[in-house]
C-alpha atoms as a PDB file:
ATOM      1  CA  MET A   1      -5.574  24.116  -7.925  1.00  0.00           C
ATOM      2  CA  GLU A   2      -4.580  21.831 -10.910  1.00  0.00           C
ATOM      3  CA  ALA A   3      -2.656  22.994 -14.046  1.00  0.00           C
ATOM      4  CA  GLU A   4      -1.149  21.278 -16.858  1.00  0.00           C
ATOM      5  CA  GLY A   5       2.064  22.360 -18.677  1.00  0.00           C
ATOM      6  CA  ILE A   6       4.922  21.233 -20.882  1.00  0.00           C
ATOM      7  CA  ILE A   7       8.549  20.369 -20.247  1.00  0.00           C
ATOM      8  CA  ASN A   8      10.467  23.076 -22.132  1.00  0.00           C
ATOM      9  CA  GLY A   9      13.987  22.392 -20.879  1.00  0.00           C
ATOM     10  CA  VAL A  10      16.131  19.438 -19.641  1.00  0.00           C
ATOM     11  CA  PHE A  11      19.232  19.915 -17.775  1.00  0.00           C
ATOM     12  CA  PRO A  12      20.706  16.262 -17.616  1.00  0.00           C
ATOM     13  CA  GLY A  13      21.315  14.914 -14.117  1.00  0.00           C
ATOM     14  CA  GLU A  14      20.130  18.108 -12.510  1.00  0.00           C
ATOM     15  CA  ALA A  15      16.651  19.546 -13.270  1.00  0.00           C
ATOM     16  CA  LEU A  16      13.677  19.983 -15.624  1.00  0.00           C
ATOM     17  CA  SER A  17      12.173  23.305 -16.707  1.00  0.00           C
ATOM     18  CA  VAL A  18       8.265  23.364 -16.868  1.00  0.00           C
ATOM     19  CA  LEU A  19       6.067  25.923 -18.623  1.00  0.00           C
ATOM     20  CA  ILE A  20       2.627  26.068 -17.268  1.00  0.00           C
ATOM     21  CA  PRO A  21       0.118  28.280 -19.128  1.00  0.00           C
ATOM     22  CA  LEU A  22      -1.922  30.442 -16.572  1.00  0.00           C
ATOM     23  CA  GLU A  23      -4.053  33.422 -17.322  1.00  0.00           C
ATOM     24  CA  ASP A  24      -4.439  34.447 -13.717  1.00  0.00           C
ATOM     25  CA  THR A  25      -0.699  34.690 -12.810  1.00  0.00           C
ATOM     26  CA  ASP A  26      -1.514  37.244 -10.069  1.00  0.00           C
ATOM     27  CA  ILE A  27      -2.700  34.346  -7.971  1.00  0.00           C
ATOM     28  CA  VAL A  28       0.898  33.327  -7.369  1.00  0.00           C
ATOM     29  CA  GLU A  29       1.547  36.548  -5.476  1.00  0.00           C
ATOM     30  CA  ARG A  30      -1.882  36.756  -3.850  1.00  0.00           C
ATOM     31  CA  GLN A  31      -1.701  33.348  -2.316  1.00  0.00           C
ATOM     32  CA  GLY A  32       2.010  33.460  -1.650  1.00  0.00           C
ATOM     33  CA  ILE A  33       2.833  30.273  -3.739  1.00  0.00           C
ATOM     34  CA  THR A  34       6.397  29.704  -3.780  1.00  0.00           C
ATOM     35  CA  SER A  35       6.625  25.963  -4.732  1.00  0.00           C
ATOM     36  CA  VAL A  36       4.609  23.483  -6.838  1.00  0.00           C
ATOM     37  CA  ARG A  37       4.144  19.817  -7.216  1.00  0.00           C
ATOM     38  CA  VAL A  38       4.881  18.255 -10.540  1.00  0.00           C
ATOM     39  CA  ILE A  39       3.686  14.777 -11.480  1.00  0.00           C
ATOM     40  CA  ILE A  40       5.296  13.359 -14.605  1.00  0.00           C
ATOM     41  CA  ASN A  41       3.468  10.910 -16.710  1.00  0.00           C
ATOM     42  CA  ASP A  42       5.933   8.222 -17.643  1.00  0.00           C
ATOM     43  CA  GLY A  43       4.236   7.720 -21.055  1.00  0.00           C
ATOM     44  CA  ARG A  44       3.687   3.991 -20.390  1.00  0.00           C
ATOM     45  CA  LYS A  45      -0.037   2.789 -20.018  1.00  0.00           C
ATOM     46  CA  LEU A  46      -0.623   0.361 -17.283  1.00  0.00           C
ATOM     47  CA  SER A  47      -0.015  -3.311 -18.191  1.00  0.00           C
ATOM     48  CA  ASN A  48      -2.486  -6.066 -18.368  1.00  0.00           C
ATOM     49  CA  ASP A  49      -0.857  -7.483 -15.205  1.00  0.00           C
ATOM     50  CA  GLN A  50      -1.457  -4.213 -13.241  1.00  0.00           C
ATOM     51  CA  ARG A  51      -5.170  -4.203 -14.645  1.00  0.00           C
ATOM     52  CA  ARG A  52      -5.744  -7.573 -13.200  1.00  0.00           C
ATOM     53  CA  LYS A  53      -4.252  -6.832  -9.934  1.00  0.00           C
ATOM     54  CA  ILE A  54      -6.414  -3.719  -9.446  1.00  0.00           C
ATOM     55  CA  PHE A  55      -9.589  -5.605 -10.300  1.00  0.00           C
ATOM     56  CA  ALA A  56      -8.659  -8.292  -8.046  1.00  0.00           C
ATOM     57  CA  LEU A  57      -7.932  -6.089  -5.102  1.00  0.00           C
ATOM     58  CA  VAL A  58     -11.026  -4.044  -5.589  1.00  0.00           C
ATOM     59  CA  GLY A  59     -13.038  -7.251  -5.862  1.00  0.00           C
ATOM     60  CA  ASP A  60     -11.800  -8.442  -2.477  1.00  0.00           C
ATOM     61  CA  ILE A  61     -12.331  -5.075  -0.871  1.00  0.00           C
ATOM     62  CA  THR A  62     -15.914  -5.020  -2.271  1.00  0.00           C
ATOM     63  CA  GLU A  63     -16.737  -8.369  -0.788  1.00  0.00           C
ATOM     64  CA  TRP A  64     -15.427  -7.224   2.432  1.00  0.00           C
ATOM     65  CA  VAL A  65     -17.446  -4.041   2.430  1.00  0.00           C
ATOM     66  CA  LYS A  66     -20.693  -5.955   1.509  1.00  0.00           C
ATOM     67  CA  ALA A  67     -20.450  -8.500   4.323  1.00  0.00           C
ATOM     68  CA  PRO A  68     -21.771  -8.251   6.873  1.00  0.00           C
ATOM     69  CA  GLY A  69     -24.660  -5.833   6.292  1.00  0.00           C
ATOM     70  CA  LYS A  70     -24.306  -2.329   7.500  1.00  0.00           C
ATOM     71  CA  THR A  71     -26.683  -2.921  10.348  1.00  0.00           C
ATOM     72  CA  ALA A  72     -24.553  -5.723  11.829  1.00  0.00           C
ATOM     73  CA  ARG A  73     -21.358  -3.615  11.891  1.00  0.00           C
ATOM     74  CA  THR A  74     -19.573  -2.513  14.885  1.00  0.00           C
ATOM     75  CA  ARG A  75     -18.783   1.182  15.625  1.00  0.00           C
ATOM     76  CA  ALA A  76     -15.232   0.423  14.919  1.00  0.00           C
ATOM     77  CA  GLU A  77     -15.994  -1.136  11.479  1.00  0.00           C
ATOM     78  CA  ARG A  78     -18.253   1.675  10.381  1.00  0.00           C
ATOM     79  CA  GLU A  79     -15.387   4.028  11.401  1.00  0.00           C
ATOM     80  CA  THR A  80     -12.976   2.092   9.363  1.00  0.00           C
ATOM     81  CA  LEU A  81     -15.229   2.361   6.352  1.00  0.00           C
ATOM     82  CA  ARG A  82     -15.601   6.151   6.968  1.00  0.00           C
ATOM     83  CA  GLU A  83     -11.822   6.490   6.993  1.00  0.00           C
ATOM     84  CA  MET A  84     -11.615   4.666   3.739  1.00  0.00           C
ATOM     85  CA  HIS A  85     -14.518   6.802   2.354  1.00  0.00           C
ATOM     86  CA  LEU A  86     -16.696   3.752   1.664  1.00  0.00           C
ATOM     87  CA  LEU A  87     -19.336   4.047   4.330  1.00  0.00           C
ATOM     88  CA  TYR A  88     -21.928   5.887   2.235  1.00  0.00           C
ATOM     89  CA  VAL A  89     -21.136   3.520  -0.708  1.00  0.00           C
ATOM     90  CA  ILE A  90     -22.665   0.840   0.919  1.00  0.00           C
ATOM     91  CA  ASP A  91     -26.084   2.292   0.292  1.00  0.00           C
ATOM     92  CA  ALA A  92     -25.453   2.269  -3.378  1.00  0.00           C
ATOM     93  CA  LEU A  93     -24.252  -1.532  -3.572  1.00  0.00           C
ATOM     94  CA  ASP A  94     -27.067  -3.536  -5.153  1.00  0.00           C
ATOM     95  CA  GLY A  95     -25.248  -6.193  -6.788  1.00  0.00           C
ATOM     96  CA  TYR A  96     -25.007  -4.289 -10.153  1.00  0.00           C
ATOM     97  CA  GLU A  97     -21.396  -3.215 -11.035  1.00  0.00           C
ATOM     98  CA  ASP A  98     -20.601  -2.987  -7.147  1.00  0.00           C
ATOM     99  CA  SER A  99     -16.828  -3.440  -7.655  1.00  0.00           C
ATOM    100  CA  GLU A 100     -16.838  -0.515 -10.217  1.00  0.00           C
ATOM    101  CA  LYS A 101     -18.678   1.556  -7.719  1.00  0.00           C
ATOM    102  CA  VAL A 102     -16.108   0.768  -5.065  1.00  0.00           C
ATOM    103  CA  ARG A 103     -13.175   1.270  -7.528  1.00  0.00           C
ATOM    104  CA  ARG A 104     -14.310   4.612  -8.502  1.00  0.00           C
ATOM    105  CA  GLN A 105     -14.547   5.906  -4.920  1.00  0.00           C
ATOM    106  CA  LEU A 106     -11.166   4.466  -3.987  1.00  0.00           C
ATOM    107  CA  THR A 107      -9.691   6.002  -6.807  1.00  0.00           C
ATOM    108  CA  ALA A 108     -11.249   9.365  -5.855  1.00  0.00           C
ATOM    109  CA  HIS A 109      -9.899   8.917  -2.343  1.00  0.00           C
ATOM    110  CA  TYR A 110      -6.426   8.011  -3.345  1.00  0.00           C
ATOM    111  CA  CYS A 111      -6.146  11.017  -5.734  1.00  0.00           C
ATOM    112  CA  LYS A 112      -7.383  13.338  -3.019  1.00  0.00           C
ATOM    113  CA  LEU A 113      -4.873  11.894  -0.524  1.00  0.00           C
ATOM    114  CA  LEU A 114      -1.973  12.360  -2.995  1.00  0.00           C
ATOM    115  CA  ASP A 115      -3.420  15.665  -4.427  1.00  0.00           C
ATOM    116  CA  VAL A 116      -3.261  14.155  -8.082  1.00  0.00           C
ATOM    117  CA  MET A 117      -5.697  14.624 -10.880  1.00  0.00           C
ATOM    118  CA  THR A 118      -8.419  11.899 -10.883  1.00  0.00           C
ATOM    119  CA  PHE A 119      -7.508   9.159 -13.490  1.00  0.00           C
ATOM    120  CA  SER A 120      -9.152   6.125 -15.088  1.00  0.00           C
ATOM    121  CA  LEU A 121      -7.745   2.875 -15.987  1.00  0.00           C
ATOM    122  CA  SER A 122      -7.868   3.986 -19.664  1.00  0.00           C
ATOM    123  CA  ASN A 123      -5.517   6.892 -19.167  1.00  0.00           C
ATOM    124  CA  VAL A 124      -3.444   6.048 -15.971  1.00  0.00           C
ATOM    125  CA  ASP A 125       0.484   5.448 -16.496  1.00  0.00           C
ATOM    126  CA  MET A 126       2.418   2.571 -15.206  1.00  0.00           C
ATOM    127  CA  THR A 127       4.094   4.630 -12.320  1.00  0.00           C
ATOM    128  CA  ILE A 128       0.730   5.861 -10.877  1.00  0.00           C
ATOM    129  CA  ALA A 129      -0.773   2.433 -11.346  1.00  0.00           C
ATOM    130  CA  ARG A 130       2.012   0.915  -9.572  1.00  0.00           C
ATOM    131  CA  ASP A 131       1.503   3.198  -6.573  1.00  0.00           C
ATOM    132  CA  PHE A 132      -2.327   2.769  -6.651  1.00  0.00           C
ATOM    133  CA  ILE A 133      -1.754  -0.960  -6.439  1.00  0.00           C
ATOM    134  CA  ASP A 134       0.525  -0.851  -3.542  1.00  0.00           C
ATOM    135  CA  TRP A 135      -1.851   1.546  -1.925  1.00  0.00           C
ATOM    136  CA  LEU A 136      -4.648  -0.878  -2.137  1.00  0.00           C
ATOM    137  CA  VAL A 137      -2.436  -3.632  -0.868  1.00  0.00           C
ATOM    138  CA  GLU A 138      -1.836  -1.455   2.218  1.00  0.00           C
ATOM    139  CA  LEU A 139      -5.400  -0.867   2.742  1.00  0.00           C
ATOM    140  CA  CYS A 140      -5.899  -4.699   2.779  1.00  0.00           C
ATOM    141  CA  VAL A 141      -3.094  -5.309   5.143  1.00  0.00           C
ATOM    142  CA  ALA A 142      -4.065  -2.492   7.683  1.00  0.00           C
ATOM    143  CA  HIS A 143      -7.675  -3.551   7.838  1.00  0.00           C
ATOM    144  CA  GLY A 144      -7.233  -7.393   7.680  1.00  0.00           C
ATOM    145  CA  ILE A 145      -9.238  -7.593   4.529  1.00  0.00           C
ATOM    146  CA  PRO A 146      -9.398 -11.214   3.330  1.00  0.00           C
ATOM    147  CA  CYS A 147      -8.017 -11.752  -0.098  1.00  0.00           C
ATOM    148  CA  ILE A 148      -8.305 -14.754  -2.458  1.00  0.00           C
ATOM    149  CA  ASP A 149      -4.802 -14.753  -3.326  1.00  0.00           C
ATOM    150  CA  THR A 150      -1.688 -13.891  -1.358  1.00  0.00           C
ATOM    151  CA  LEU A 151      -0.726 -10.258  -1.498  1.00  0.00           C
ATOM    152  CA  LEU A 152       2.780 -11.381  -2.453  1.00  0.00           C
ATOM    153  CA  ASN A 153       1.276 -12.072  -5.965  1.00  0.00           C
ATOM    154  CA  ARG A 154      -0.577  -8.769  -5.955  1.00  0.00           C
ATOM    155  CA  CYS A 155       1.868  -6.129  -4.691  1.00  0.00           C
ATOM    156  CA  GLU A 156       4.281  -4.210  -7.093  1.00  0.00           C
ATOM    157  CA  ASP A 157       6.892  -3.317  -4.268  1.00  0.00           C
ATOM    158  CA  ILE A 158       7.630  -6.253  -2.126  1.00  0.00           C
ATOM    159  CA  GLN A 159       9.537  -4.113   0.433  1.00  0.00           C
ATOM    160  CA  ARG A 160       6.565  -1.771   0.741  1.00  0.00           C
ATOM    161  CA  TYR A 161       4.389  -4.797   1.307  1.00  0.00           C
ATOM    162  CA  LEU A 162       6.647  -6.229   3.924  1.00  0.00           C
ATOM    163  CA  TYR A 163       6.793  -2.801   5.748  1.00  0.00           C
ATOM    164  CA  ALA A 164       3.092  -2.670   6.064  1.00  0.00           C
ATOM    165  CA  CYS A 165       2.875  -6.267   7.136  1.00  0.00           C
ATOM    166  CA  VAL A 166       5.480  -5.802   9.814  1.00  0.00           C
ATOM    167  CA  LYS A 167       3.712  -2.626  10.921  1.00  0.00           C
ATOM    168  CA  ASN A 168       0.333  -4.326  11.160  1.00  0.00           C
ATOM    169  CA  ARG A 169       1.679  -7.529  12.402  1.00  0.00           C
ATOM    170  CA  ARG A 170       0.262  -9.508   9.356  1.00  0.00           C
ATOM    171  CA  CYS A 171       1.680 -12.676   7.948  1.00  0.00           C
ATOM    172  CA  ALA A 172       3.115 -11.809   4.618  1.00  0.00           C
ATOM    173  CA  ILE A 173       2.080 -15.243   3.144  1.00  0.00           C
ATOM    174  CA  CYS A 174      -1.607 -15.648   4.322  1.00  0.00           C
ATOM    175  CA  GLY A 175      -2.453 -12.347   5.965  1.00  0.00           C
ATOM    176  CA  LYS A 176      -3.281 -13.856   9.316  1.00  0.00           C
ATOM    177  CA  LYS A 177      -1.942 -12.306  12.504  1.00  0.00           C
ATOM    178  CA  ALA A 178       1.705 -12.693  12.712  1.00  0.00           C
ATOM    179  CA  ASP A 179       4.808 -12.743  14.916  1.00  0.00           C
ATOM    180  CA  ILE A 180       8.050 -11.132  13.800  1.00  0.00           C
ATOM    181  CA  HIS A 181      10.549 -13.687  12.629  1.00  0.00           C
ATOM    182  CA  GLU A 182      14.130 -12.688  12.829  1.00  0.00           C
ATOM    183  CA  TRP A 183      16.074 -13.622   9.693  1.00  0.00           C
ATOM    184  CA  GLY A 184      19.701 -14.354   9.537  1.00  0.00           C
ATOM    185  CA  ALA A 185      22.524 -13.212  11.732  1.00  0.00           C
ATOM    186  CA  GLY A 186      21.782 -10.915  14.577  1.00  0.00           C
ATOM    187  CA  LYS A 187      18.986 -13.108  16.238  1.00  0.00           C
ATOM    188  CA  PRO A 188      19.020 -12.880  19.970  1.00  0.00           C
ATOM    189  CA  GLY A 189      18.923 -16.582  20.359  1.00  0.00           C
ATOM    190  CA  MET A 190      17.916 -18.666  23.234  1.00  0.00           C
ATOM    191  CA  GLY A 191      18.233 -16.704  26.637  1.00  0.00           C
ATOM    192  CA  GLY A 192      18.607 -13.363  24.673  1.00  0.00           C
ATOM    193  CA  ASN A 193      17.136 -10.317  26.432  1.00  0.00           C
ATOM    194  CA  ARG A 194      15.123  -8.467  23.670  1.00  0.00           C
ATOM    195  CA  ALA A 195      14.555  -5.465  26.082  1.00  0.00           C
ATOM    196  CA  LYS A 196      18.093  -4.703  26.262  1.00  0.00           C
ATOM    197  CA  MET A 197      18.867  -5.256  22.525  1.00  0.00           C
ATOM    198  CA  HIS A 198      18.849  -2.736  19.737  1.00  0.00           C
ATOM    199  CA  HIS A 199      16.832  -4.004  16.781  1.00  0.00           C
ATOM    200  CA  SER A 200      17.042  -1.242  14.267  1.00  0.00           C
ATOM    201  CA  GLY A 201      18.733  -2.671  11.114  1.00  0.00           C
ATOM    202  CA  GLN A 202      17.526  -6.268  12.078  1.00  0.00           C
ATOM    203  CA  PHE A 203      16.380  -8.264   9.202  1.00  0.00           C
ATOM    204  CA  VAL A 204      12.668  -9.895   9.818  1.00  0.00           C
ATOM    205  CA  GLU A 205       9.883 -11.460   7.989  1.00  0.00           C
ATOM    206  CA  PRO A 206       6.203 -11.074   9.474  1.00  0.00           C
ATOM    207  CA  LEU A 207       4.902 -14.708   9.686  1.00  0.00           C
ATOM    208  CA  CYS A 208       2.088 -16.509  11.308  1.00  0.00           C
ATOM    209  CA  ARG A 209       2.848 -19.484  13.479  1.00  0.00           C
ATOM    210  CA  LEU A 210       2.057 -21.898  10.848  1.00  0.00           C
ATOM    211  CA  HIS A 211       4.426 -20.507   8.386  1.00  0.00           C
ATOM    212  CA  HIS A 212       7.099 -19.923  11.142  1.00  0.00           C
ATOM    213  CA  ARG A 213       6.949 -23.518  11.736  1.00  0.00           C
ATOM    214  CA  GLU A 214       7.447 -24.367   8.046  1.00  0.00           C
ATOM    215  CA  ILE A 215      10.750 -22.509   8.190  1.00  0.00           C
ATOM    216  CA  GLU A 216      11.864 -24.977  10.891  1.00  0.00           C
ATOM    217  CA  ASP A 217      10.827 -27.842   8.883  1.00  0.00           C
ATOM    218  CA  ILE A 218      12.415 -26.815   5.482  1.00  0.00           C
ATOM    219  CA  GLY A 219      14.881 -24.250   6.296  1.00  0.00           C
ATOM    220  CA  GLN A 220      15.064 -20.512   5.687  1.00  0.00           C
ATOM    221  CA  GLN A 221      16.536 -20.497   2.124  1.00  0.00           C
ATOM    222  CA  THR A 222      13.941 -23.237   0.990  1.00  0.00           C
ATOM    223  CA  PHE A 223      11.101 -21.269   2.517  1.00  0.00           C
ATOM    224  CA  ASP A 224      12.126 -17.915   0.947  1.00  0.00           C
ATOM    225  CA  ASP A 225      12.663 -19.569  -2.433  1.00  0.00           C
ATOM    226  CA  LYS A 226       9.077 -21.297  -2.252  1.00  0.00           C
ATOM    227  CA  TYR A 227       7.354 -18.094  -1.579  1.00  0.00           C
ATOM    228  CA  HIS A 228       9.677 -15.725  -3.442  1.00  0.00           C
ATOM    229  CA  LEU A 229      10.011 -13.926  -0.184  1.00  0.00           C
ATOM    230  CA  GLU A 230      12.846 -11.588   1.091  1.00  0.00           C
ATOM    231  CA  PRO A 231      13.466 -10.063   4.492  1.00  0.00           C
ATOM    232  CA  ILE A 232      13.017  -6.427   5.484  1.00  0.00           C
ATOM    233  CA  ALA A 233      15.315  -4.361   7.712  1.00  0.00           C
ATOM    234  CA  LEU A 234      13.613  -2.779  10.776  1.00  0.00           C
ATOM    235  CA  ASP A 235      13.936   1.040  10.958  1.00  0.00           C
ATOM    236  CA  ASP A 236      13.129   3.040  14.080  1.00  0.00           C
ATOM    237  CA  ALA A 237       9.536   3.558  13.080  1.00  0.00           C
ATOM    238  CA  LEU A 238       8.781  -0.206  12.740  1.00  0.00           C
ATOM    239  CA  CYS A 239      10.634  -0.932  15.992  1.00  0.00           C
ATOM    240  CA  LYS A 240       8.278   1.541  17.607  1.00  0.00           C
ATOM    241  CA  ALA A 241       5.172  -0.078  15.969  1.00  0.00           C
ATOM    242  CA  ILE A 242       6.069  -3.512  17.121  1.00  0.00           C
ATOM    243  CA  GLY A 243       7.292  -2.636  20.560  1.00  0.00           C
ATOM    244  CA  TRP A 244      11.060  -3.447  20.170  1.00  0.00           C
ATOM    245  CA  LYS A 245      13.838  -1.426  21.229  1.00  0.00           C
ATOM    246  CA  LYS A 246      15.454   0.722  18.553  1.00  0.00           C
END
């Protein structure tokens, strides 16, 4: 059930009081409702840069969905499209506003997953747009969707992007399959036994072999400055995902 209300009280540094008009108040008792989720519109409309990112990401996803044709897809590929709620959309892609059809379906899927009201680009606020963009980026990383531009330029939250890249072993620069490059102090070094080391808290960057070699050629700091990259610290979940000891 969705409902809208107004903020009728502010307690600085502590809480907000929200008034939600509701005719059927008995539903609260009947359904045993004891908590609600409140999504606050931050009052800022999405920026032109965010709009461009959404269109670019959806465009790349659309091209990936369209090729190859559905008859040539493997069972795994069709299952991936089903998970993304895009499988049936293929039948509706006819070259006319294909990206718009995919965007509407992705938006509906995102809103359902987060249990938020459906939005359009004309009324979405910056905060929701930011999360939607990073969700699209995560889809591209998880499914290896080729993108025209590096996702470093598309993501809103670089740490969230790097987390997805490490988890899925994707190069943060080009999106190819990646090794995990250990950054800074705490590397095991030559002869180090990774199986006996604890890696939680270790700073890393997910990089393909080509970009790993570039670090060796130009140095870590120059590399990070060139690509505006920063390392991410492994947590227990990431250690488990990449098979390293916590």
